[in-house]
Amino acid sequence: ATTAPRIPPTRLALHHFDVSYSLQLKDLWPSVRAGLLCEQKYGALLNNFSPVDHVTQELELLNATDFVSEAPKKAQRSQRGAAVEEAGREEGRPQEGSGKGRTVMQAEVMTRAETSPPLRASISSNIKCYTFPRGDITRFRPARPDTLGLLEYYLMDAASLLPVLALNVQPDDFVLDLCAAPGGKTLALLQTGVCGHLAANDISISRTKRLYQTLHSYVPKEIRETVSVTSCDGRDWGQLEGSTFHKVLVDVPCTTDRHSVMEEENNIFHRRRTKERQMLPMLQLQLLMAGILATKPGGEVVYSTCSLSPLQNEYVIERAIEIAETQFNISIHVEDLSHFQTLFQDTFSFFSDCRLGELVLPHLTANFGPMYFCKLCR
């Protein structure tokens, strides 16, 4: 009997995405598809444990900017502009009363603009990540070690920082990174400089080794020793250390859409991994439930994936909220993160029709993502 021709997993992945994502994203899919199939864009997460002044100067000369610190300034400028326009329109209307009344009203409009959610939204200013402007496909040079041997920056998909920014770590918070390897988000959590205690876990021992390597390359020994690195099954964490943490990041295994259409190696669309792929939403749900149970009452969980799939994103969130309520009597509410779209619209392309949470779409001029993230408050 003749065997069926072997179809590469990258082709299988693309076919699968063509069928499902064209229904979900409709007219946006061709552009997102092109982004997935082109070279990914990176950001340079500055290492605050290394002297960074010369690096920031070098990056700024190359026309890169720190998208984290720039975002609130840009949002403020655009809101002020909108407020001036609104005040101008009010000025143009027939008014009763004196000019002084109009001036007071204009001042009120400006104040409203300055205190509206995107500007009050807390963004950790200690995290600095440089990106090149939209349409600029310059590559960052590899990071170099400083005099202590620590690397100056970590190259990562800049959209991967959004879940960490959404977590909004406060001084002395106990923080858990439940699926931490290879360590980019763990490193970003350490860059905030405020974690009271950080636990970084990953079920895979080989991936945990990569996490150790990342910490060793970027973090001084005295800080590394404060991080508790474990290789447990994250699904059991709620039983191991329930109601312990103020903030939990649950960055789950997923179909890693970009990797799946580009790389043959370790591709979840290999035929032998079909069952594993089909079980992903169940695994994701179990990990999110463990994250919720590990959180103190009043604590917060951020769930994230690098997939466009609603089955791995919104549906997992909805089911977790339902289970938390019915089986554990825990009431969860989803925090509105729509201000992230306002803050970061110059850097990322967001999907405007996401039912819960936020989704960064790959786009040829801003080829970050995909990155889904949603914040839950216990």
Protein backbone atom coordinates (compact mmCIF):
# COMPACT_ATOMS: atom_id res chain seq x y z
CA ALA A 1 0.00 0.00 0.00
CA THR A 2 1.25 3.49 -0.77
CA THR A 3 1.70 5.81 2.18
CA ALA A 4 0.10 9.25 2.12
CA PRO A 5 2.59 11.99 1.29
CA ARG A 6 3.98 13.64 4.41
CA ILE A 7 2.61 17.15 4.79
CA PRO A 8 4.94 19.42 6.78
CA PRO A 9 3.45 20.58 10.10
CA THR A 10 3.93 24.22 9.05
CA ARG A 11 1.59 23.59 6.10
CA LEU A 12 -0.92 21.81 8.33
CA ALA A 13 -0.83 24.74 10.77
CA LEU A 14 -1.36 27.31 8.02
CA HIS A 15 -4.26 25.33 6.57
CA HIS A 16 -5.83 25.03 10.02
CA PHE A 17 -5.43 28.79 10.60
CA ASP A 18 -6.80 29.64 7.14
CA VAL A 19 -9.98 27.78 7.97
CA SER A 20 -10.52 29.02 11.54
CA TYR A 21 -8.99 32.52 11.61
CA SER A 22 -10.56 33.66 8.33
CA LEU A 23 -13.93 33.16 10.08
CA GLN A 24 -12.80 34.93 13.25
CA LEU A 25 -10.79 37.83 11.77
CA LYS A 26 -12.65 38.08 8.43
CA ASP A 27 -11.10 40.85 6.26
CA LEU A 28 -8.15 41.23 8.66
CA TRP A 29 -6.92 37.65 8.16
CA PRO A 30 -4.92 38.16 4.89
CA SER A 31 -2.88 40.94 6.53
CA VAL A 32 -2.40 38.98 9.79
CA ARG A 33 -1.44 35.88 7.76
CA ALA A 34 1.21 37.88 5.88
CA GLY A 35 2.58 39.13 9.20
CA LEU A 36 2.79 35.59 10.63
CA LEU A 37 4.74 34.42 7.58
CA CYS A 38 7.26 37.30 7.69
CA GLU A 39 10.13 37.98 10.04
CA GLN A 40 9.01 38.82 13.55
CA LYS A 41 9.80 42.20 15.07
CA TYR A 42 11.63 42.41 18.39
CA GLY A 43 11.97 44.78 21.29
CA ALA A 44 15.04 45.23 23.49
CA LEU A 45 14.10 44.91 27.18
CA LEU A 46 16.78 46.93 28.97
CA ASN A 47 18.54 45.22 31.84
CA ASN A 48 18.26 47.56 34.83
CA PHE A 49 20.84 45.44 36.67
CA SER A 50 23.46 46.56 34.14
CA PRO A 51 24.59 50.19 33.57
CA VAL A 52 22.30 51.17 30.68
CA ASP A 53 23.03 54.84 29.92
CA HIS A 54 25.37 54.14 26.99
CA VAL A 55 22.91 51.54 25.61
CA THR A 56 19.95 53.96 25.70
CA GLN A 57 22.06 56.57 23.89
CA GLU A 58 23.08 54.03 21.25
CA LEU A 59 19.49 52.83 20.71
CA GLU A 60 18.09 56.36 20.54
CA LEU A 61 20.69 57.28 17.89
CA LEU A 62 19.30 54.35 15.86
CA ASN A 63 15.81 55.92 16.18
CA ALA A 64 14.51 53.31 18.66
CA THR A 65 12.28 54.53 21.51
CA ASP A 66 11.18 53.09 24.84
CA PHE A 67 7.56 52.26 24.01
CA VAL A 68 6.62 51.90 27.71
CA SER A 69 7.58 55.42 28.80
CA GLU A 70 6.56 57.03 25.48
CA ALA A 71 3.01 55.64 25.54
CA PRO A 72 1.52 57.76 28.36
CA LYS A 73 3.16 60.92 26.93
CA LYS A 74 1.69 60.23 23.46
CA ALA A 75 -1.73 59.44 24.93
CA GLN A 76 -1.62 62.65 26.96
CA ARG A 77 -0.68 64.71 23.89
CA SER A 78 -3.46 63.17 21.77
CA GLN A 79 -6.01 63.63 24.56
CA ARG A 80 -4.96 67.22 25.07
CA GLY A 81 -5.35 67.76 21.32
CA ALA A 82 -8.84 66.24 21.45
CA ALA A 83 -9.70 68.37 24.48
CA VAL A 84 -8.55 71.55 22.72
CA GLU A 85 -10.71 70.59 19.72
CA GLU A 86 -13.70 69.99 22.00
CA ALA A 87 -13.12 73.30 23.77
CA GLY A 88 -12.81 74.97 20.35
CA ARG A 89 -16.15 73.51 19.26
CA GLU A 90 -17.76 74.71 22.49
CA GLU A 91 -16.24 78.15 21.86
CA GLY A 92 -17.85 78.22 18.40
CA ARG A 93 -21.34 77.61 19.77
CA PRO A 94 -23.56 80.52 20.84
CA GLN A 95 -22.90 80.91 24.56
CA GLU A 96 -24.76 82.57 27.35
CA GLY A 97 -22.73 84.27 30.03
CA SER A 98 -19.24 85.73 30.13
CA GLY A 99 -15.97 84.74 28.50
CA LYS A 100 -14.75 83.80 31.98
CA GLY A 101 -17.36 81.01 32.13
CA ARG A 102 -16.06 79.66 28.83
CA THR A 103 -12.47 79.69 30.12
CA VAL A 104 -13.50 77.71 33.22
CA MET A 105 -15.31 75.22 31.00
CA GLN A 106 -12.23 74.81 28.75
CA ALA A 107 -10.09 74.21 31.82
CA GLU A 108 -12.56 71.55 32.99
CA VAL A 109 -12.37 69.80 29.58
CA MET A 110 -8.55 69.80 29.78
CA THR A 111 -8.60 68.40 33.33
CA ARG A 112 -11.02 65.66 32.29
CA ALA A 113 -8.63 64.73 29.46
CA GLU A 114 -5.64 64.59 31.79
CA THR A 115 -7.32 62.32 34.35
CA SER A 116 -9.18 59.98 32.01
CA PRO A 117 -8.31 56.25 32.36
CA PRO A 118 -5.38 55.88 29.92
CA LEU A 119 -3.39 58.49 31.83
CA ARG A 120 -4.23 57.28 35.30
CA ALA A 121 -3.57 53.69 34.25
CA SER A 122 -0.58 52.48 36.18
CA ILE A 123 2.27 51.43 33.91
CA SER A 124 5.44 50.28 35.62
CA SER A 125 7.95 52.94 34.63
CA ASN A 126 10.91 50.76 35.68
CA ILE A 127 10.40 48.47 32.68
CA LYS A 128 12.11 49.93 29.61
CA CYS A 129 11.76 48.28 26.22
CA TYR A 130 13.08 49.86 23.03
CA THR A 131 11.38 49.26 19.68
CA PHE A 132 11.91 50.65 16.20
CA PRO A 133 9.07 52.73 14.70
CA ARG A 134 6.26 51.21 12.63
CA GLY A 135 7.52 50.09 9.25
CA ASP A 136 11.18 50.16 10.40
CA ILE A 137 12.56 46.61 10.19
CA THR A 138 16.03 47.37 11.60
CA ARG A 139 17.39 44.48 13.66
CA PHE A 140 18.95 44.98 17.08
CA ARG A 141 22.56 43.85 17.40
CA PRO A 142 23.13 40.95 19.82
CA ALA A 143 23.43 42.11 23.45
CA ARG A 144 26.94 42.45 24.90
CA PRO A 145 28.06 41.69 28.47
CA ASP A 146 28.96 44.52 30.87
CA THR A 147 32.01 44.47 33.19
CA LEU A 148 30.20 42.05 35.55
CA GLY A 149 29.30 39.77 32.64
CA LEU A 150 25.59 40.71 32.64
CA LEU A 151 23.96 41.30 29.24
CA GLU A 152 22.64 44.79 28.46
CA TYR A 153 19.25 43.84 27.05
CA TYR A 154 17.00 40.90 26.31
CA LEU A 155 15.53 40.59 22.80
CA MET A 156 11.90 39.51 22.87
CA ASP A 157 8.56 40.06 21.14
CA ALA A 158 7.71 43.45 22.69
CA ALA A 159 4.02 42.39 22.91
CA SER A 160 5.13 39.78 25.49
CA LEU A 161 5.65 42.64 27.93
CA LEU A 162 1.98 43.65 27.86
CA PRO A 163 0.84 40.84 30.22
CA VAL A 164 3.59 41.89 32.67
CA LEU A 165 2.54 45.56 32.45
CA ALA A 166 -1.10 44.49 32.93
CA LEU A 167 -0.11 42.59 36.10
CA ASN A 168 0.96 45.98 37.54
CA VAL A 169 3.23 44.64 40.30
CA GLN A 170 3.26 46.83 43.41
CA PRO A 171 6.02 47.11 46.05
CA ASP A 172 6.39 43.95 48.18
CA ASP A 173 3.88 41.92 46.13
CA PHE A 174 4.32 38.14 46.26
CA VAL A 175 4.38 37.19 42.56
CA LEU A 176 4.07 33.80 40.84
CA ASP A 177 5.06 33.16 37.22
CA LEU A 178 3.37 29.79 36.78
CA CYS A 179 4.74 28.80 33.32
CA ALA A 180 7.96 30.78 33.41
CA ALA A 181 10.46 29.28 30.93
CA PRO A 182 12.37 30.43 28.91
CA GLY A 183 12.30 33.44 31.24
CA GLY A 184 11.55 36.66 29.31
CA LYS A 185 8.50 37.55 31.39
CA THR A 186 10.24 36.46 34.63
CA LEU A 187 13.10 38.80 33.74
CA ALA A 188 10.62 41.62 33.03
CA LEU A 189 8.96 41.04 36.43
CA LEU A 190 12.40 41.38 38.07
CA GLN A 191 13.04 44.61 36.11
CA THR A 192 10.14 46.25 37.99
CA GLY A 193 12.45 46.13 41.02
CA VAL A 194 9.49 45.85 43.40
CA CYS A 195 8.63 42.13 43.76
CA GLY A 196 8.61 41.21 47.47
CA HIS A 197 9.03 37.58 46.45
CA LEU A 198 9.06 35.99 42.99
CA ALA A 199 8.33 32.31 42.35
CA ALA A 200 9.11 31.10 38.81
CA ASN A 201 7.85 27.65 37.85
CA ASP A 202 7.87 25.48 34.74
CA ILE A 203 6.91 21.81 34.42
CA SER A 204 9.73 21.08 31.94
CA ILE A 205 13.13 20.50 33.55
CA SER A 206 14.94 21.24 30.26
CA ARG A 207 13.01 24.52 29.88
CA THR A 208 13.72 25.35 33.54
CA LYS A 209 17.42 25.07 32.67
CA ARG A 210 16.87 27.78 30.04
CA LEU A 211 15.16 29.89 32.71
CA TYR A 212 18.23 29.48 34.96
CA GLN A 213 20.47 30.47 32.03
CA THR A 214 18.39 33.59 31.37
CA LEU A 215 18.55 34.63 35.03
CA HIS A 216 22.31 33.88 35.13
CA SER A 217 22.95 36.03 32.03
CA TYR A 218 20.97 39.07 33.22
CA VAL A 219 20.54 39.11 36.99
CA PRO A 220 23.17 39.58 39.74
CA LYS A 221 23.66 36.66 42.13
CA GLU A 222 22.13 38.41 45.16
CA ILE A 223 18.89 39.07 43.23
CA ARG A 224 18.87 35.60 41.58
CA GLU A 225 18.98 34.01 45.01
CA THR A 226 15.70 35.71 45.96
CA VAL A 227 13.87 34.00 43.05
CA SER A 228 12.37 30.63 43.87
CA VAL A 229 12.69 28.45 40.73
CA THR A 230 10.74 25.18 40.65
CA SER A 231 9.82 22.44 38.14
CA CYS A 232 6.34 21.42 39.32
CA ASP A 233 3.22 20.65 37.32
CA GLY A 234 1.58 24.08 37.39
CA ARG A 235 -1.85 22.43 37.55
CA ASP A 236 -1.10 21.37 41.15
CA TRP A 237 -0.02 24.80 42.37
CA GLY A 238 -3.38 25.71 43.92
CA GLN A 239 -3.04 22.71 46.25
CA LEU A 240 0.68 23.31 46.92
CA GLU A 241 0.45 27.00 47.84
CA GLY A 242 -3.16 28.16 47.76
CA SER A 243 -4.18 31.80 48.39
CA THR A 244 -0.52 32.88 48.76
CA PHE A 245 0.23 35.40 46.00
CA HIS A 246 -0.86 38.99 45.31
CA LYS A 247 -0.17 38.64 41.56
CA VAL A 248 -0.03 35.56 39.34
CA LEU A 249 1.03 35.39 35.69
CA VAL A 250 -0.36 32.38 33.79
CA ASP A 251 1.39 32.41 30.39
CA VAL A 252 0.15 29.05 29.18
CA PRO A 253 1.46 26.58 26.58
CA CYS A 254 -0.50 27.21 23.36
CA THR A 255 -0.37 26.62 19.60
CA THR A 256 2.35 29.34 19.38
CA ASP A 257 0.84 30.41 16.05
CA ARG A 258 3.89 32.18 14.64
CA HIS A 259 6.25 29.28 15.48
CA SER A 260 3.72 26.77 14.08
CA VAL A 261 3.68 28.32 10.59
CA MET A 262 7.44 29.00 10.45
CA GLU A 263 9.36 26.20 12.22
CA GLU A 264 9.33 22.43 11.65
CA GLU A 265 11.11 21.66 14.91
CA ASN A 266 9.01 21.23 18.07
CA ASN A 267 5.84 22.00 16.07
CA ILE A 268 2.57 21.13 17.80
CA PHE A 269 0.97 20.49 14.37
CA HIS A 270 3.11 17.37 13.90
CA ARG A 271 0.65 14.53 13.31
CA ARG A 272 1.99 12.64 16.33
CA ARG A 273 1.03 15.63 18.55
CA THR A 274 -2.59 15.90 17.38
CA LYS A 275 -4.03 14.68 20.70
CA GLU A 276 -1.77 17.04 22.67
CA ARG A 277 -2.94 19.95 20.51
CA GLN A 278 -6.61 19.05 20.95
CA MET A 279 -6.15 18.89 24.73
CA LEU A 280 -4.54 22.35 24.96
CA PRO A 281 -7.69 24.27 26.02
CA MET A 282 -8.22 21.77 28.88
CA LEU A 283 -4.59 22.15 30.02
CA GLN A 284 -4.88 25.95 29.75
CA LEU A 285 -8.05 25.92 31.84
CA GLN A 286 -6.45 23.74 34.52
CA LEU A 287 -3.41 26.05 34.70
CA LEU A 288 -5.59 29.16 34.91
CA MET A 289 -7.68 27.57 37.70
CA ALA A 290 -4.44 26.73 39.58
CA GLY A 291 -3.35 30.38 39.13
CA ILE A 292 -6.69 31.66 40.48
CA LEU A 293 -6.49 29.33 43.50
CA ALA A 294 -2.87 30.38 44.18
CA THR A 295 -4.00 34.03 44.43
CA LYS A 296 -4.97 35.69 47.69
CA PRO A 297 -8.52 37.09 47.89
CA GLY A 298 -8.23 40.58 46.35
CA GLY A 299 -5.28 39.39 44.25
CA GLU A 300 -4.98 39.48 40.47
CA VAL A 301 -4.21 36.98 37.70
CA VAL A 302 -3.11 37.75 34.15
CA TYR A 303 -3.71 34.96 31.62
CA SER A 304 -1.81 35.10 28.33
CA THR A 305 -1.14 33.12 25.14
CA CYS A 306 0.70 33.74 21.87
CA SER A 307 -2.27 32.41 19.88
CA LEU A 308 -5.11 34.08 17.99
CA SER A 309 -7.52 31.25 18.85
CA PRO A 310 -10.67 32.18 20.82
CA LEU A 311 -10.79 28.54 22.02
CA GLN A 312 -7.48 29.14 23.82
CA ASN A 313 -8.28 32.71 24.80
CA GLU A 314 -11.77 34.03 25.64
CA TYR A 315 -13.37 30.58 26.01
CA VAL A 316 -10.78 29.53 28.60
CA ILE A 317 -11.42 32.75 30.56
CA GLU A 318 -15.21 32.28 30.50
CA ARG A 319 -15.00 28.66 31.61
CA ALA A 320 -12.55 29.50 34.44
CA ILE A 321 -14.86 32.24 35.77
CA GLU A 322 -17.75 29.77 35.72
CA ILE A 323 -15.79 27.00 37.51
CA ALA A 324 -14.39 29.42 40.11
CA GLU A 325 -17.95 30.52 40.92
CA THR A 326 -19.73 27.15 40.87
CA GLN A 327 -17.06 24.82 42.30
CA PHE A 328 -15.02 27.12 44.58
CA ASN A 329 -17.49 29.90 45.38
CA ILE A 330 -14.89 32.43 44.18
CA SER A 331 -16.24 35.48 42.41
CA ILE A 332 -13.96 36.69 39.60
CA HIS A 333 -14.31 39.84 37.55
CA VAL A 334 -12.49 40.71 34.34
CA GLU A 335 -10.63 44.02 34.48
CA ASP A 336 -11.11 46.35 31.52
CA LEU A 337 -7.73 46.73 29.78
CA SER A 338 -9.02 48.73 26.79
CA HIS A 339 -6.78 51.65 27.83
CA PHE A 340 -3.85 49.50 26.61
CA GLN A 341 -5.16 50.02 23.07
CA THR A 342 -5.08 53.81 23.56
CA LEU A 343 -1.67 53.75 25.22
CA PHE A 344 0.10 51.41 22.81
CA GLN A 345 -1.69 51.92 19.48
CA ASP A 346 1.45 53.48 17.95
CA THR A 347 3.49 50.33 18.66
CA PHE A 348 1.02 47.45 18.26
CA SER A 349 -2.00 46.52 16.15
CA PHE A 350 -4.88 45.49 18.42
CA PHE A 351 -7.96 43.45 17.48
CA SER A 352 -10.91 45.74 18.24
CA ASP A 353 -13.51 42.92 18.46
CA CYS A 354 -12.00 40.88 21.30
CA ARG A 355 -14.87 39.92 23.65
CA LEU A 356 -12.70 39.62 26.77
CA GLY A 357 -9.15 40.86 27.28
CA GLU A 358 -6.90 42.27 24.55
CA LEU A 359 -5.32 40.70 21.46
CA VAL A 360 -2.28 42.02 19.58
CA LEU A 361 -2.40 41.08 15.88
CA PRO A 362 0.70 40.63 13.72
CA HIS A 363 0.89 43.32 11.04
CA LEU A 364 3.57 43.92 8.42
CA THR A 365 4.33 47.42 9.73
CA ALA A 366 4.26 46.34 13.40
CA ASN A 367 5.06 42.64 13.30
CA PHE A 368 4.70 41.80 16.99
CA GLY A 369 2.41 39.15 18.44
CA PRO A 370 0.10 37.39 18.37
CA MET A 371 -0.34 38.06 22.08
CA TYR A 372 -3.57 37.62 24.00
CA PHE A 373 -3.86 38.80 27.62
CA CYS A 374 -6.71 39.12 30.08
CA LYS A 375 -6.69 40.29 33.71
CA LEU A 376 -8.85 38.64 36.37
CA CYS A 377 -9.44 40.02 39.86
CA ARG A 378 -10.31 37.65 42.67
